[in-house]
Every structure is written in structure tokens, then in C-alpha cells.
N, C-alpha and C. Protein backbone atom coordinates (compact mmCIF):
# COMPACT_ATOMS: atom_id res chain seq x y z
N UNK A 1 6.00 -2.49 -23.10
CA UNK A 1 6.45 -1.12 -23.01
C UNK A 1 6.63 -0.70 -21.56
N UNK A 2 5.67 -1.00 -20.70
CA UNK A 2 5.77 -0.58 -19.30
C UNK A 2 6.99 -1.19 -18.61
N UNK A 3 7.27 -2.47 -18.88
CA UNK A 3 8.41 -3.09 -18.23
C UNK A 3 9.72 -2.49 -18.72
N UNK A 4 9.78 -2.10 -19.99
CA UNK A 4 10.97 -1.46 -20.52
C UNK A 4 11.18 -0.11 -19.85
N UNK A 5 10.12 0.65 -19.69
CA UNK A 5 10.21 1.95 -19.04
C UNK A 5 10.69 1.77 -17.60
N UNK A 6 10.16 0.80 -16.89
CA UNK A 6 10.57 0.54 -15.51
C UNK A 6 12.05 0.19 -15.42
N UNK A 7 12.51 -0.68 -16.32
CA UNK A 7 13.92 -1.05 -16.31
C UNK A 7 14.80 0.15 -16.63
N UNK A 8 14.40 0.95 -17.60
CA UNK A 8 15.19 2.12 -17.98
C UNK A 8 15.27 3.11 -16.82
N UNK A 9 14.15 3.33 -16.14
CA UNK A 9 14.11 4.26 -15.03
C UNK A 9 15.05 3.79 -13.94
N UNK A 10 15.01 2.50 -13.63
CA UNK A 10 15.87 1.94 -12.60
C UNK A 10 17.34 2.04 -12.96
N UNK A 11 17.66 1.89 -14.22
CA UNK A 11 19.05 1.98 -14.67
C UNK A 11 19.58 3.41 -14.54
N UNK A 12 18.73 4.38 -14.77
CA UNK A 12 19.16 5.78 -14.70
C UNK A 12 19.22 6.30 -13.27
N UNK A 13 18.41 5.74 -12.39
CA UNK A 13 18.34 6.22 -11.01
C UNK A 13 18.48 5.07 -10.02
N UNK A 14 19.60 4.35 -10.03
CA UNK A 14 19.73 3.16 -9.18
C UNK A 14 19.64 3.46 -7.69
N UNK A 15 20.05 4.66 -7.26
CA UNK A 15 20.01 4.97 -5.83
C UNK A 15 18.59 5.16 -5.32
N UNK A 16 17.62 5.31 -6.23
CA UNK A 16 16.24 5.50 -5.83
C UNK A 16 15.50 4.18 -5.64
N UNK A 17 16.13 3.09 -6.00
CA UNK A 17 15.50 1.79 -5.85
C UNK A 17 15.83 1.22 -4.48
N UNK A 18 14.81 0.97 -3.70
CA UNK A 18 15.01 0.43 -2.35
C UNK A 18 15.11 -1.09 -2.46
N UNK A 19 16.18 -1.68 -1.93
CA UNK A 19 16.31 -3.14 -1.99
C UNK A 19 15.12 -3.84 -1.31
N UNK A 20 14.81 -4.99 -1.81
CA UNK A 20 13.66 -5.75 -1.32
C UNK A 20 13.71 -6.00 0.18
N UNK A 21 14.89 -6.30 0.70
CA UNK A 21 15.04 -6.58 2.14
C UNK A 21 14.69 -5.38 3.00
N UNK A 22 15.13 -4.20 2.58
CA UNK A 22 14.83 -2.97 3.33
C UNK A 22 13.34 -2.69 3.25
N UNK A 23 12.78 -2.77 2.06
CA UNK A 23 11.35 -2.52 1.88
C UNK A 23 10.52 -3.51 2.69
N UNK A 24 10.94 -4.76 2.72
CA UNK A 24 10.21 -5.78 3.46
C UNK A 24 10.23 -5.51 4.96
N UNK A 25 11.39 -5.14 5.49
CA UNK A 25 11.49 -4.84 6.92
C UNK A 25 10.65 -3.62 7.28
N UNK A 26 10.66 -2.61 6.42
CA UNK A 26 9.85 -1.42 6.68
C UNK A 26 8.37 -1.77 6.62
N UNK A 27 7.99 -2.58 5.65
CA UNK A 27 6.59 -3.00 5.51
C UNK A 27 6.13 -3.72 6.78
N UNK A 28 6.94 -4.64 7.25
CA UNK A 28 6.61 -5.39 8.46
C UNK A 28 6.49 -4.46 9.67
N UNK A 29 7.41 -3.52 9.78
CA UNK A 29 7.39 -2.59 10.91
C UNK A 29 6.15 -1.69 10.87
N UNK A 30 5.77 -1.25 9.69
CA UNK A 30 4.57 -0.42 9.57
C UNK A 30 3.32 -1.23 9.90
N UNK A 31 3.22 -2.42 9.36
CA UNK A 31 2.03 -3.25 9.59
C UNK A 31 1.90 -3.69 11.04
N UNK A 32 3.01 -3.83 11.74
CA UNK A 32 2.96 -4.24 13.14
C UNK A 32 2.82 -3.05 14.09
N UNK A 33 2.86 -1.85 13.54
CA UNK A 33 2.68 -0.65 14.36
C UNK A 33 3.95 -0.15 15.02
N UNK A 34 5.11 -0.71 14.66
CA UNK A 34 6.37 -0.25 15.25
C UNK A 34 6.75 1.15 14.77
N UNK A 35 6.45 1.44 13.53
CA UNK A 35 6.69 2.77 12.97
C UNK A 35 5.47 3.18 12.14
N UNK A 36 5.31 4.47 11.95
CA UNK A 36 4.21 4.94 11.12
C UNK A 36 4.61 4.87 9.66
N UNK A 37 3.62 4.84 8.81
CA UNK A 37 3.89 4.85 7.37
C UNK A 37 4.62 6.11 6.99
N UNK A 38 4.21 7.23 7.55
CA UNK A 38 4.87 8.51 7.24
C UNK A 38 6.34 8.49 7.62
N UNK A 39 6.67 7.91 8.78
CA UNK A 39 8.06 7.84 9.22
C UNK A 39 8.88 6.95 8.29
N UNK A 40 8.30 5.81 7.89
CA UNK A 40 9.00 4.91 6.97
C UNK A 40 9.22 5.58 5.61
N UNK A 41 8.22 6.26 5.12
CA UNK A 41 8.36 6.95 3.84
C UNK A 41 9.42 8.04 3.92
N UNK A 42 9.41 8.81 4.99
CA UNK A 42 10.40 9.88 5.15
C UNK A 42 11.80 9.32 5.26
N UNK A 43 11.96 8.20 5.94
CA UNK A 43 13.27 7.57 6.07
C UNK A 43 13.79 7.13 4.71
N UNK A 44 12.90 6.61 3.86
CA UNK A 44 13.31 6.20 2.51
C UNK A 44 13.70 7.41 1.68
N UNK A 45 12.89 8.45 1.75
CA UNK A 45 13.16 9.65 0.96
C UNK A 45 14.46 10.31 1.39
N UNK A 46 14.69 10.37 2.70
CA UNK A 46 15.91 11.02 3.21
C UNK A 46 17.16 10.27 2.79
N UNK A 47 17.20 8.96 3.07
CA UNK A 47 18.34 8.13 2.69
C UNK A 47 18.01 6.68 3.02
N UNK A 48 17.59 5.92 2.03
CA UNK A 48 17.15 4.55 2.30
C UNK A 48 18.25 3.69 2.88
N UNK A 49 19.51 4.06 2.64
CA UNK A 49 20.61 3.23 3.14
C UNK A 49 20.72 3.28 4.67
N UNK A 50 20.16 4.30 5.29
CA UNK A 50 20.18 4.43 6.75
C UNK A 50 18.80 4.35 7.37
N UNK A 51 17.80 4.06 6.57
CA UNK A 51 16.41 4.07 7.03
C UNK A 51 16.18 3.13 8.21
N UNK A 52 16.65 1.92 8.13
CA UNK A 52 16.40 0.94 9.19
C UNK A 52 17.08 1.36 10.50
N UNK A 53 18.29 1.85 10.40
CA UNK A 53 19.02 2.30 11.58
C UNK A 53 18.35 3.49 12.23
N UNK A 54 17.96 4.47 11.43
CA UNK A 54 17.32 5.67 11.98
C UNK A 54 15.98 5.37 12.62
N UNK A 55 15.32 4.33 12.17
CA UNK A 55 14.03 3.96 12.75
C UNK A 55 14.17 2.91 13.85
N UNK A 56 15.40 2.52 14.16
CA UNK A 56 15.64 1.54 15.22
C UNK A 56 15.25 0.14 14.84
N UNK A 57 15.36 -0.21 13.57
CA UNK A 57 14.94 -1.53 13.10
C UNK A 57 16.09 -2.43 12.68
N UNK A 58 17.32 -1.95 12.77
CA UNK A 58 18.43 -2.79 12.32
C UNK A 58 19.12 -3.48 13.46
């Protein structure tokens, strides 16, 4: 049931799913101290498609 709900949610809101590559780069940047967790989260919420560029990570 949970996996079905997850798939359905993703199908209805595809723009809210952050691609693995973007999430991975943000994770690495946060863990290495290049950006704060709050900044990474805000970048995703604002527009994940420009998150890396706005944070200087692309």
C-alpha cells in the first residue's frame, strides 16, 4: 500500500520530485559544509531546477 501511494503521489506531482543527481549533489554540499541544510532546502522549495546554480554548485 505505501509503495502504491508513493507512486501515485509522484505521478500527480512530478515537479515536486527532485532528481537523484540534484539531491545527491545537495547532500554532498551540505555534508561538506559548502551550504547549510536550510539553504539547500529553500533552494529545493523555491525551484529545484535552479537549486544547484543558485547555490553555486553547478
